[in-house]
Amino acid sequence: MRAEPELIRSVIMAEVETPFGERMTGLLLRVSADGLTPEQAGEEQLDLAGSLASVWMQELLEMLRGRRTYDQIQRRIETAASRLLSGIQRRSDPSGSSGRWAPR
């Protein structure tokens, strides 16, 4: 991210079928919740991952504008992530039919 700000900018601004915010939300769900997809997630899980994606985007823009260092945005994103994603765990379902996630 430090070395290629123009590449990051072009990825964000690229015209694709799925908007960047939705792609980022899906990525955050998958990596933070053991492969959970947006289709499997509940409304609260989508909101939490979407909120973290928004924080990530805002901090990235601040870095591209020269207002934050890489270390500053990493610290802020880690702080937000630990709080936003701390309440997500896999809900036990004896029938094995639910892939849903629920807050603790």
PDB file of N, CA and C in Angstrom:
ATOM      1  N   MET A   1       0.820  -1.180   0.000  1.00  0.00           N
ATOM      2  CA  MET A   1       0.000   0.000   0.000  1.00  0.00           C
ATOM      3  C   MET A   1       0.871   1.253   0.000  1.00  0.00           C
ATOM      4  N   ARG A   2       1.968   1.211   0.723  1.00  0.00           N
ATOM      5  CA  ARG A   2       2.848   2.373   0.767  1.00  0.00           C
ATOM      6  C   ARG A   2       3.479   2.648  -0.595  1.00  0.00           C
ATOM      7  N   ALA A   3       3.870   1.580  -1.271  1.00  0.00           N
ATOM      8  CA  ALA A   3       4.647   1.743  -2.494  1.00  0.00           C
ATOM      9  C   ALA A   3       3.798   2.070  -3.713  1.00  0.00           C
ATOM     10  N   GLU A   4       2.547   1.699  -3.719  1.00  0.00           N
ATOM     11  CA  GLU A   4       1.727   1.839  -4.922  1.00  0.00           C
ATOM     12  C   GLU A   4       0.390   2.551  -4.666  1.00  0.00           C
ATOM     13  N   PRO A   5       0.410   3.807  -4.211  1.00  0.00           N
ATOM     14  CA  PRO A   5      -0.871   4.483  -3.944  1.00  0.00           C
ATOM     15  C   PRO A   5      -1.740   4.637  -5.190  1.00  0.00           C
ATOM     16  N   GLU A   6      -1.128   4.781  -6.362  1.00  0.00           N
ATOM     17  CA  GLU A   6      -1.928   4.920  -7.594  1.00  0.00           C
ATOM     18  C   GLU A   6      -2.630   3.610  -7.941  1.00  0.00           C
ATOM     19  N   LEU A   7      -1.970   2.499  -7.684  1.00  0.00           N
ATOM     20  CA  LEU A   7      -2.598   1.195  -7.904  1.00  0.00           C
ATOM     21  C   LEU A   7      -3.800   1.031  -6.983  1.00  0.00           C
ATOM     22  N   ILE A   8      -3.640   1.375  -5.723  1.00  0.00           N
ATOM     23  CA  ILE A   8      -4.746   1.296  -4.764  1.00  0.00           C
ATOM     24  C   ILE A   8      -5.890   2.195  -5.216  1.00  0.00           C
ATOM     25  N   ARG A   9      -5.573   3.409  -5.631  1.00  0.00           N
ATOM     26  CA  ARG A   9      -6.592   4.349  -6.095  1.00  0.00           C
ATOM     27  C   ARG A   9      -7.350   3.778  -7.293  1.00  0.00           C
ATOM     28  N   SER A  10      -6.633   3.164  -8.236  1.00  0.00           N
ATOM     29  CA  SER A  10      -7.307   2.611  -9.417  1.00  0.00           C
ATOM     30  C   SER A  10      -8.179   1.414  -9.060  1.00  0.00           C
ATOM     31  N   VAL A  11      -7.754   0.605  -8.094  1.00  0.00           N
ATOM     32  CA  VAL A  11      -8.578  -0.526  -7.655  1.00  0.00           C
ATOM     33  C   VAL A  11      -9.879  -0.029  -7.037  1.00  0.00           C
ATOM     34  N   ILE A  12      -9.793   1.015  -6.244  1.00  0.00           N
ATOM     35  CA  ILE A  12     -10.980   1.569  -5.591  1.00  0.00           C
ATOM     36  C   ILE A  12     -11.938   2.170  -6.617  1.00  0.00           C
ATOM     37  N   MET A  13     -11.399   2.861  -7.597  1.00  0.00           N
ATOM     38  CA  MET A  13     -12.221   3.586  -8.551  1.00  0.00           C
ATOM     39  C   MET A  13     -12.643   2.742  -9.761  1.00  0.00           C
ATOM     40  N   ALA A  14     -12.133   1.517  -9.870  1.00  0.00           N
ATOM     41  CA  ALA A  14     -12.417   0.662 -11.033  1.00  0.00           C
ATOM     42  C   ALA A  14     -13.920   0.419 -11.170  1.00  0.00           C
ATOM     43  N   GLU A  15     -14.375   0.418 -12.412  1.00  0.00           N
ATOM     44  CA  GLU A  15     -15.775   0.134 -12.685  1.00  0.00           C
ATOM     45  C   GLU A  15     -15.934  -1.365 -12.876  1.00  0.00           C
ATOM     46  N   VAL A  16     -16.555  -1.990 -11.907  1.00  0.00           N
ATOM     47  CA  VAL A  16     -16.820  -3.425 -11.950  1.00  0.00           C
ATOM     48  C   VAL A  16     -18.269  -3.644 -11.536  1.00  0.00           C
ATOM     49  N   GLU A  17     -18.750  -4.871 -11.732  1.00  0.00           N
ATOM     50  CA  GLU A  17     -20.144  -5.163 -11.391  1.00  0.00           C
ATOM     51  C   GLU A  17     -20.451  -4.940  -9.922  1.00  0.00           C
ATOM     52  N   THR A  18     -19.567  -5.385  -9.050  1.00  0.00           N
ATOM     53  CA  THR A  18     -19.789  -5.237  -7.612  1.00  0.00           C
ATOM     54  C   THR A  18     -18.996  -4.042  -7.112  1.00  0.00           C
ATOM     55  N   PRO A  19     -19.658  -3.056  -6.498  1.00  0.00           N
ATOM     56  CA  PRO A  19     -18.944  -1.886  -5.990  1.00  0.00           C
ATOM     57  C   PRO A  19     -17.867  -2.282  -4.973  1.00  0.00           C
ATOM     58  N   PHE A  20     -16.845  -1.455  -4.875  1.00  0.00           N
ATOM     59  CA  PHE A  20     -15.703  -1.747  -4.017  1.00  0.00           C
ATOM     60  C   PHE A  20     -16.120  -1.986  -2.568  1.00  0.00           C
ATOM     61  N   GLY A  21     -17.028  -1.174  -2.043  1.00  0.00           N
ATOM     62  CA  GLY A  21     -17.469  -1.330  -0.654  1.00  0.00           C
ATOM     63  C   GLY A  21     -18.072  -2.699  -0.395  1.00  0.00           C
ATOM     64  N   GLU A  22     -18.858  -3.195  -1.331  1.00  0.00           N
ATOM     65  CA  GLU A  22     -19.455  -4.527  -1.178  1.00  0.00           C
ATOM     66  C   GLU A  22     -18.396  -5.613  -1.278  1.00  0.00           C
ATOM     67  N   ARG A  23     -17.450  -5.448  -2.184  1.00  0.00           N
ATOM     68  CA  ARG A  23     -16.367  -6.432  -2.300  1.00  0.00           C
ATOM     69  C   ARG A  23     -15.540  -6.468  -1.025  1.00  0.00           C
ATOM     70  N   MET A  24     -15.251  -5.291  -0.482  1.00  0.00           N
ATOM     71  CA  MET A  24     -14.466  -5.205   0.745  1.00  0.00           C
ATOM     72  C   MET A  24     -15.232  -5.812   1.915  1.00  0.00           C
ATOM     73  N   THR A  25     -16.525  -5.552   2.003  1.00  0.00           N
ATOM     74  CA  THR A  25     -17.352  -6.128   3.066  1.00  0.00           C
ATOM     75  C   THR A  25     -17.317  -7.650   2.990  1.00  0.00           C
ATOM     76  N   GLY A  26     -17.476  -8.191   1.786  1.00  0.00           N
ATOM     77  CA  GLY A  26     -17.422  -9.641   1.608  1.00  0.00           C
ATOM     78  C   GLY A  26     -16.075 -10.216   2.001  1.00  0.00           C
ATOM     79  N   LEU A  27     -15.011  -9.540   1.612  1.00  0.00           N
ATOM     80  CA  LEU A  27     -13.667  -9.989   1.969  1.00  0.00           C
ATOM     81  C   LEU A  27     -13.484  -9.997   3.481  1.00  0.00           C
ATOM     82  N   LEU A  28     -13.917  -8.926   4.139  1.00  0.00           N
ATOM     83  CA  LEU A  28     -13.778  -8.847   5.593  1.00  0.00           C
ATOM     84  C   LEU A  28     -14.585  -9.936   6.290  1.00  0.00           C
ATOM     85  N   LEU A  29     -15.778 -10.234   5.784  1.00  0.00           N
ATOM     86  CA  LEU A  29     -16.570 -11.324   6.360  1.00  0.00           C
ATOM     87  C   LEU A  29     -15.823 -12.651   6.229  1.00  0.00           C
ATOM     88  N   ARG A  30     -15.318 -12.922   5.043  1.00  0.00           N
ATOM     89  CA  ARG A  30     -14.657 -14.208   4.807  1.00  0.00           C
ATOM     90  C   ARG A  30     -13.425 -14.390   5.689  1.00  0.00           C
ATOM     91  N   VAL A  31     -12.597 -13.360   5.798  1.00  0.00           N
ATOM     92  CA  VAL A  31     -11.353 -13.521   6.551  1.00  0.00           C
ATOM     93  C   VAL A  31     -11.555 -13.426   8.057  1.00  0.00           C
ATOM     94  N   SER A  32     -12.579 -12.753   8.505  1.00  0.00           N
ATOM     95  CA  SER A  32     -12.764 -12.579   9.946  1.00  0.00           C
ATOM     96  C   SER A  32     -13.756 -13.566  10.544  1.00  0.00           C
ATOM     97  N   ALA A  33     -14.519 -14.236   9.719  1.00  0.00           N
ATOM     98  CA  ALA A  33     -15.581 -15.111  10.242  1.00  0.00           C
ATOM     99  C   ALA A  33     -15.552 -16.487   9.580  1.00  0.00           C
ATOM    100  N   ASP A  34     -14.359 -17.029   9.430  1.00  0.00           N
ATOM    101  CA  ASP A  34     -14.197 -18.410   8.970  1.00  0.00           C
ATOM    102  C   ASP A  34     -14.947 -18.723   7.681  1.00  0.00           C
ATOM    103  N   GLY A  35     -14.816 -17.841   6.690  1.00  0.00           N
ATOM    104  CA  GLY A  35     -15.386 -18.116   5.375  1.00  0.00           C
ATOM    105  C   GLY A  35     -16.832 -17.697   5.180  1.00  0.00           C
ATOM    106  N   LEU A  36     -17.399 -16.964   6.114  1.00  0.00           N
ATOM    107  CA  LEU A  36     -18.786 -16.498   5.983  1.00  0.00           C
ATOM    108  C   LEU A  36     -18.937 -15.641   4.737  1.00  0.00           C
ATOM    109  N   THR A  37     -19.959 -15.908   3.946  1.00  0.00           N
ATOM    110  CA  THR A  37     -20.219 -15.115   2.744  1.00  0.00           C
ATOM    111  C   THR A  37     -21.317 -14.097   3.035  1.00  0.00           C
ATOM    112  N   PRO A  38     -21.419 -13.053   2.223  1.00  0.00           N
ATOM    113  CA  PRO A  38     -22.498 -12.083   2.421  1.00  0.00           C
ATOM    114  C   PRO A  38     -23.883 -12.731   2.350  1.00  0.00           C
ATOM    115  N   GLU A  39     -24.022 -13.767   1.533  1.00  0.00           N
ATOM    116  CA  GLU A  39     -25.318 -14.448   1.420  1.00  0.00           C
ATOM    117  C   GLU A  39     -25.675 -15.208   2.694  1.00  0.00           C
ATOM    118  N   GLN A  40     -24.681 -15.669   3.433  1.00  0.00           N
ATOM    119  CA  GLN A  40     -24.909 -16.411   4.672  1.00  0.00           C
ATOM    120  C   GLN A  40     -25.061 -15.487   5.877  1.00  0.00           C
ATOM    121  N   ALA A  41     -24.497 -14.304   5.784  1.00  0.00           N
ATOM    122  CA  ALA A  41     -24.433 -13.393   6.928  1.00  0.00           C
ATOM    123  C   ALA A  41     -25.793 -12.804   7.260  1.00  0.00           C
ATOM    124  N   GLY A  42     -25.972 -12.534   8.521  1.00  0.00           N
ATOM    125  CA  GLY A  42     -27.150 -11.817   8.973  1.00  0.00           C
ATOM    126  C   GLY A  42     -26.955 -10.323   8.791  1.00  0.00           C
ATOM    127  N   GLU A  43     -28.008  -9.579   9.010  1.00  0.00           N
ATOM    128  CA  GLU A  43     -27.959  -8.127   8.817  1.00  0.00           C
ATOM    129  C   GLU A  43     -26.907  -7.470   9.709  1.00  0.00           C
ATOM    130  N   GLU A  44     -26.825  -7.905  10.948  1.00  0.00           N
ATOM    131  CA  GLU A  44     -25.857  -7.300  11.869  1.00  0.00           C
ATOM    132  C   GLU A  44     -24.418  -7.580  11.430  1.00  0.00           C
ATOM    133  N   GLN A  45     -24.148  -8.797  10.966  1.00  0.00           N
ATOM    134  CA  GLN A  45     -22.807  -9.130  10.518  1.00  0.00           C
ATOM    135  C   GLN A  45     -22.433  -8.311   9.282  1.00  0.00           C
ATOM    136  N   LEU A  46     -23.378  -8.135   8.370  1.00  0.00           N
ATOM    137  CA  LEU A  46     -23.132  -7.284   7.201  1.00  0.00           C
ATOM    138  C   LEU A  46     -22.858  -5.843   7.620  1.00  0.00           C
ATOM    139  N   ASP A  47     -23.628  -5.354   8.590  1.00  0.00           N
ATOM    140  CA  ASP A  47     -23.421  -3.986   9.076  1.00  0.00           C
ATOM    141  C   ASP A  47     -22.050  -3.813   9.722  1.00  0.00           C
ATOM    142  N   LEU A  48     -21.645  -4.791  10.541  1.00  0.00           N
ATOM    143  CA  LEU A  48     -20.342  -4.703  11.199  1.00  0.00           C
ATOM    144  C   LEU A  48     -19.202  -4.734  10.181  1.00  0.00           C
ATOM    145  N   ALA A  49     -19.267  -5.670   9.248  1.00  0.00           N
ATOM    146  CA  ALA A  49     -18.222  -5.754   8.226  1.00  0.00           C
ATOM    147  C   ALA A  49     -18.243  -4.522   7.327  1.00  0.00           C
ATOM    148  N   GLY A  50     -19.423  -4.029   6.996  1.00  0.00           N
ATOM    149  CA  GLY A  50     -19.536  -2.810   6.189  1.00  0.00           C
ATOM    150  C   GLY A  50     -18.981  -1.600   6.904  1.00  0.00           C
ATOM    151  N   SER A  51     -19.194  -1.529   8.208  1.00  0.00           N
ATOM    152  CA  SER A  51     -18.638  -0.428   8.998  1.00  0.00           C
ATOM    153  C   SER A  51     -17.119  -0.463   9.004  1.00  0.00           C
ATOM    154  N   LEU A  52     -16.570  -1.668   9.141  1.00  0.00           N
ATOM    155  CA  LEU A  52     -15.114  -1.786   9.108  1.00  0.00           C
ATOM    156  C   LEU A  52     -14.577  -1.427   7.724  1.00  0.00           C
ATOM    157  N   ALA A  53     -15.276  -1.835   6.678  1.00  0.00           N
ATOM    158  CA  ALA A  53     -14.866  -1.475   5.316  1.00  0.00           C
ATOM    159  C   ALA A  53     -14.865   0.046   5.152  1.00  0.00           C
ATOM    160  N   SER A  54     -15.852   0.718   5.720  1.00  0.00           N
ATOM    161  CA  SER A  54     -15.916   2.182   5.647  1.00  0.00           C
ATOM    162  C   SER A  54     -14.742   2.831   6.380  1.00  0.00           C
ATOM    163  N   VAL A  55     -14.409   2.305   7.548  1.00  0.00           N
ATOM    164  CA  VAL A  55     -13.262   2.828   8.299  1.00  0.00           C
ATOM    165  C   VAL A  55     -11.988   2.638   7.476  1.00  0.00           C
ATOM    166  N   TRP A  56     -11.843   1.439   6.898  1.00  0.00           N
ATOM    167  CA  TRP A  56     -10.661   1.141   6.089  1.00  0.00           C
ATOM    168  C   TRP A  56     -10.553   2.123   4.928  1.00  0.00           C
ATOM    169  N   MET A  57     -11.666   2.357   4.245  1.00  0.00           N
ATOM    170  CA  MET A  57     -11.667   3.278   3.097  1.00  0.00           C
ATOM    171  C   MET A  57     -11.301   4.697   3.524  1.00  0.00           C
ATOM    172  N   GLN A  58     -11.894   5.152   4.610  1.00  0.00           N
ATOM    173  CA  GLN A  58     -11.619   6.512   5.079  1.00  0.00           C
ATOM    174  C   GLN A  58     -10.146   6.668   5.440  1.00  0.00           C
ATOM    175  N   GLU A  59      -9.599   5.694   6.127  1.00  0.00           N
ATOM    176  CA  GLU A  59      -8.193   5.768   6.504  1.00  0.00           C
ATOM    177  C   GLU A  59      -7.285   5.695   5.274  1.00  0.00           C
ATOM    178  N   LEU A  60      -7.638   4.868   4.305  1.00  0.00           N
ATOM    179  CA  LEU A  60      -6.857   4.793   3.073  1.00  0.00           C
ATOM    180  C   LEU A  60      -6.861   6.136   2.348  1.00  0.00           C
ATOM    181  N   LEU A  61      -8.007   6.770   2.271  1.00  0.00           N
ATOM    182  CA  LEU A  61      -8.089   8.094   1.639  1.00  0.00           C
ATOM    183  C   LEU A  61      -7.241   9.119   2.376  1.00  0.00           C
ATOM    184  N   GLU A  62      -7.245   9.047   3.699  1.00  0.00           N
ATOM    185  CA  GLU A  62      -6.416   9.975   4.487  1.00  0.00           C
ATOM    186  C   GLU A  62      -4.939   9.754   4.198  1.00  0.00           C
ATOM    187  N   MET A  63      -4.528   8.497   4.016  1.00  0.00           N
ATOM    188  CA  MET A  63      -3.132   8.226   3.681  1.00  0.00           C
ATOM    189  C   MET A  63      -2.803   8.750   2.288  1.00  0.00           C
ATOM    190  N   LEU A  64      -3.696   8.518   1.323  1.00  0.00           N
ATOM    191  CA  LEU A  64      -3.455   8.995  -0.034  1.00  0.00           C
ATOM    192  C   LEU A  64      -3.373  10.517  -0.091  1.00  0.00           C
ATOM    193  N   ARG A  65      -4.090  11.183   0.805  1.00  0.00           N
ATOM    194  CA  ARG A  65      -4.040  12.650   0.882  1.00  0.00           C
ATOM    195  C   ARG A  65      -2.823  13.141   1.654  1.00  0.00           C
ATOM    196  N   GLY A  66      -2.063  12.219   2.239  1.00  0.00           N
ATOM    197  CA  GLY A  66      -0.876  12.600   2.996  1.00  0.00           C
ATOM    198  C   GLY A  66      -1.162  13.035   4.411  1.00  0.00           C
ATOM    199  N   ARG A  67      -2.320  12.716   4.939  1.00  0.00           N
ATOM    200  CA  ARG A  67      -2.715  13.140   6.289  1.00  0.00           C
ATOM    201  C   ARG A  67      -2.435  12.087   7.356  1.00  0.00           C
ATOM    202  N   ARG A  68      -2.135  10.844   6.941  1.00  0.00           N
ATOM    203  CA  ARG A  68      -1.859   9.764   7.869  1.00  0.00           C
ATOM    204  C   ARG A  68      -0.689   8.941   7.343  1.00  0.00           C
ATOM    205  N   THR A  69       0.062   8.400   8.270  1.00  0.00           N
ATOM    206  CA  THR A  69       1.124   7.469   7.885  1.00  0.00           C
ATOM    207  C   THR A  69       0.536   6.063   7.845  1.00  0.00           C
ATOM    208  N   TYR A  70       1.274   5.159   7.225  1.00  0.00           N
ATOM    209  CA  TYR A  70       0.847   3.763   7.168  1.00  0.00           C
ATOM    210  C   TYR A  70       0.656   3.209   8.581  1.00  0.00           C
ATOM    211  N   ASP A  71       1.581   3.513   9.481  1.00  0.00           N
ATOM    212  CA  ASP A  71       1.479   3.015  10.854  1.00  0.00           C
ATOM    213  C   ASP A  71       0.249   3.571  11.571  1.00  0.00           C
ATOM    214  N   GLN A  72      -0.071   4.832  11.332  1.00  0.00           N
ATOM    215  CA  GLN A  72      -1.263   5.413  11.938  1.00  0.00           C
ATOM    216  C   GLN A  72      -2.534   4.727  11.451  1.00  0.00           C
ATOM    217  N   ILE A  73      -2.636   4.497  10.147  1.00  0.00           N
ATOM    218  CA  ILE A  73      -3.874   3.873   9.665  1.00  0.00           C
ATOM    219  C   ILE A  73      -3.946   2.407  10.089  1.00  0.00           C
ATOM    220  N   GLN A  74      -2.816   1.747  10.152  1.00  0.00           N
ATOM    221  CA  GLN A  74      -2.838   0.356  10.613  1.00  0.00           C
ATOM    222  C   GLN A  74      -3.342   0.287  12.050  1.00  0.00           C
ATOM    223  N   ARG A  75      -2.866   1.167  12.908  1.00  0.00           N
ATOM    224  CA  ARG A  75      -3.304   1.193  14.303  1.00  0.00           C
ATOM    225  C   ARG A  75      -4.797   1.492  14.407  1.00  0.00           C
ATOM    226  N   ARG A  76      -5.280   2.456  13.637  1.00  0.00           N
ATOM    227  CA  ARG A  76      -6.704   2.815  13.685  1.00  0.00           C
ATOM    228  C   ARG A  76      -7.595   1.690  13.169  1.00  0.00           C
ATOM    229  N   ILE A  77      -7.166   1.041  12.081  1.00  0.00           N
ATOM    230  CA  ILE A  77      -7.959  -0.057  11.520  1.00  0.00           C
ATOM    231  C   ILE A  77      -7.975  -1.243  12.489  1.00  0.00           C
ATOM    232  N   GLU A  78      -6.835  -1.557  13.079  1.00  0.00           N
ATOM    233  CA  GLU A  78      -6.790  -2.648  14.048  1.00  0.00           C
ATOM    234  C   GLU A  78      -7.675  -2.373  15.252  1.00  0.00           C
ATOM    235  N   THR A  79      -7.687  -1.133  15.723  1.00  0.00           N
ATOM    236  CA  THR A  79      -8.540  -0.760  16.854  1.00  0.00           C
ATOM    237  C   THR A  79     -10.006  -0.924  16.486  1.00  0.00           C
ATOM    238  N   ALA A  80     -10.387  -0.401  15.332  1.00  0.00           N
ATOM    239  CA  ALA A  80     -11.785  -0.517  14.895  1.00  0.00           C
ATOM    240  C   ALA A  80     -12.167  -1.980  14.666  1.00  0.00           C
ATOM    241  N   ALA A  81     -11.278  -2.738  14.037  1.00  0.00           N
ATOM    242  CA  ALA A  81     -11.574  -4.147  13.744  1.00  0.00           C
ATOM    243  C   ALA A  81     -11.776  -4.951  15.017  1.00  0.00           C
ATOM    244  N   SER A  82     -10.931  -4.734  16.003  1.00  0.00           N
ATOM    245  CA  SER A  82     -11.060  -5.512  17.234  1.00  0.00           C
ATOM    246  C   SER A  82     -12.396  -5.255  17.919  1.00  0.00           C
ATOM    247  N   ARG A  83     -12.890  -4.042  17.831  1.00  0.00           N
ATOM    248  CA  ARG A  83     -14.174  -3.722  18.463  1.00  0.00           C
ATOM    249  C   ARG A  83     -15.372  -4.137  17.603  1.00  0.00           C
ATOM    250  N   LEU A  84     -15.291  -3.894  16.304  1.00  0.00           N
ATOM    251  CA  LEU A  84     -16.417  -4.203  15.424  1.00  0.00           C
ATOM    252  C   LEU A  84     -16.620  -5.704  15.226  1.00  0.00           C
ATOM    253  N   LEU A  85     -15.540  -6.456  15.196  1.00  0.00           N
ATOM    254  CA  LEU A  85     -15.658  -7.873  14.885  1.00  0.00           C
ATOM    255  C   LEU A  85     -15.576  -8.775  16.104  1.00  0.00           C
ATOM    256  N   SER A  86     -15.420  -8.215  17.297  1.00  0.00           N
ATOM    257  CA  SER A  86     -15.251  -9.036  18.499  1.00  0.00           C
ATOM    258  C   SER A  86     -16.504  -9.819  18.870  1.00  0.00           C
ATOM    259  N   GLY A  87     -17.678  -9.386  18.454  1.00  0.00           N
ATOM    260  CA  GLY A  87     -18.909 -10.059  18.859  1.00  0.00           C
ATOM    261  C   GLY A  87     -19.415 -11.099  17.891  1.00  0.00           C
ATOM    262  N   ILE A  88     -18.626 -11.466  16.888  1.00  0.00           N
ATOM    263  CA  ILE A  88     -19.121 -12.426  15.903  1.00  0.00           C
ATOM    264  C   ILE A  88     -18.558 -13.810  16.209  1.00  0.00           C
ATOM    265  N   GLN A  89     -19.442 -14.791  16.321  1.00  0.00           N
ATOM    266  CA  GLN A  89     -19.020 -16.187  16.474  1.00  0.00           C
ATOM    267  C   GLN A  89     -19.999 -17.091  15.756  1.00  0.00           C
ATOM    268  N   ARG A  90     -19.578 -18.279  15.452  1.00  0.00           N
ATOM    269  CA  ARG A  90     -20.448 -19.227  14.753  1.00  0.00           C
ATOM    270  C   ARG A  90     -21.505 -19.746  15.724  1.00  0.00           C
ATOM    271  N   ARG A  91     -22.753 -19.669  15.323  1.00  0.00           N
ATOM    272  CA  ARG A  91     -23.854 -20.164  16.132  1.00  0.00           C
ATOM    273  C   ARG A  91     -23.905 -21.679  16.000  1.00  0.00           C
ATOM    274  N   SER A  92     -23.979 -22.362  17.128  1.00  0.00           N
ATOM    275  CA  SER A  92     -24.076 -23.817  17.103  1.00  0.00           C
ATOM    276  C   SER A  92     -25.467 -24.216  16.632  1.00  0.00           C
ATOM    277  N   ASP A  93     -25.503 -25.172  15.718  1.00  0.00           N
ATOM    278  CA  ASP A  93     -26.763 -25.682  15.200  1.00  0.00           C
ATOM    279  C   ASP A  93     -26.650 -27.198  15.125  1.00  0.00           C
ATOM    280  N   PRO A  94     -27.317 -27.908  16.059  1.00  0.00           N
ATOM    281  CA  PRO A  94     -27.190 -29.356  16.089  1.00  0.00           C
ATOM    282  C   PRO A  94     -27.603 -30.024  14.778  1.00  0.00           C
ATOM    283  N   SER A  95     -28.514 -29.432  14.031  1.00  0.00           N
ATOM    284  CA  SER A  95     -28.954 -30.052  12.791  1.00  0.00           C
ATOM    285  C   SER A  95     -27.941 -29.846  11.668  1.00  0.00           C
ATOM    286  N   GLY A  96     -27.008 -28.905  11.894  1.00  0.00           N
ATOM    287  CA  GLY A  96     -25.987 -28.621  10.883  1.00  0.00           C
ATOM    288  C   GLY A  96     -26.511 -27.847   9.694  1.00  0.00           C
ATOM    289  N   SER A  97     -27.755 -27.347   9.772  1.00  0.00           N
ATOM    290  CA  SER A  97     -28.344 -26.690   8.612  1.00  0.00           C
ATOM    291  C   SER A  97     -28.080 -25.192   8.542  1.00  0.00           C
ATOM    292  N   SER A  98     -27.633 -24.608   9.633  1.00  0.00           N
ATOM    293  CA  SER A  98     -27.460 -23.161   9.626  1.00  0.00           C
ATOM    294  C   SER A  98     -26.007 -22.770   9.459  1.00  0.00           C
ATOM    295  N   GLY A  99     -25.759 -21.930   8.455  1.00  0.00           N
ATOM    296  CA  GLY A  99     -24.437 -21.357   8.272  1.00  0.00           C
ATOM    297  C   GLY A  99     -24.392 -19.953   8.805  1.00  0.00           C
ATOM    298  N   ARG A 100     -25.433 -19.543   9.485  1.00  0.00           N
ATOM    299  CA  ARG A 100     -25.525 -18.177  10.000  1.00  0.00           C
ATOM    300  C   ARG A 100     -24.560 -17.926  11.134  1.00  0.00           C
ATOM    301  N   TRP A 101     -24.230 -16.678  11.298  1.00  0.00           N
ATOM    302  CA  TRP A 101     -23.384 -16.241  12.394  1.00  0.00           C
ATOM    303  C   TRP A 101     -24.211 -15.349  13.279  1.00  0.00           C
ATOM    304  N   ALA A 102     -23.867 -15.300  14.536  1.00  0.00           N
ATOM    305  CA  ALA A 102     -24.643 -14.484  15.473  1.00  0.00           C
ATOM    306  C   ALA A 102     -23.710 -13.786  16.436  1.00  0.00           C
ATOM    307  N   PRO A 103     -24.123 -12.621  16.951  1.00  0.00           N
ATOM    308  CA  PRO A 103     -23.301 -11.942  17.950  1.00  0.00           C
ATOM    309  C   PRO A 103     -23.288 -12.743  19.238  1.00  0.00           C
ATOM    310  N   ARG A 104     -22.225 -12.585  20.016  1.00  0.00           N
ATOM    311  CA  ARG A 104     -22.135 -13.260  21.322  1.00  0.00           C
ATOM    312  C   ARG A 104     -23.136 -12.696  22.283  1.00  0.00           C
TER     313      ARG A 104
END
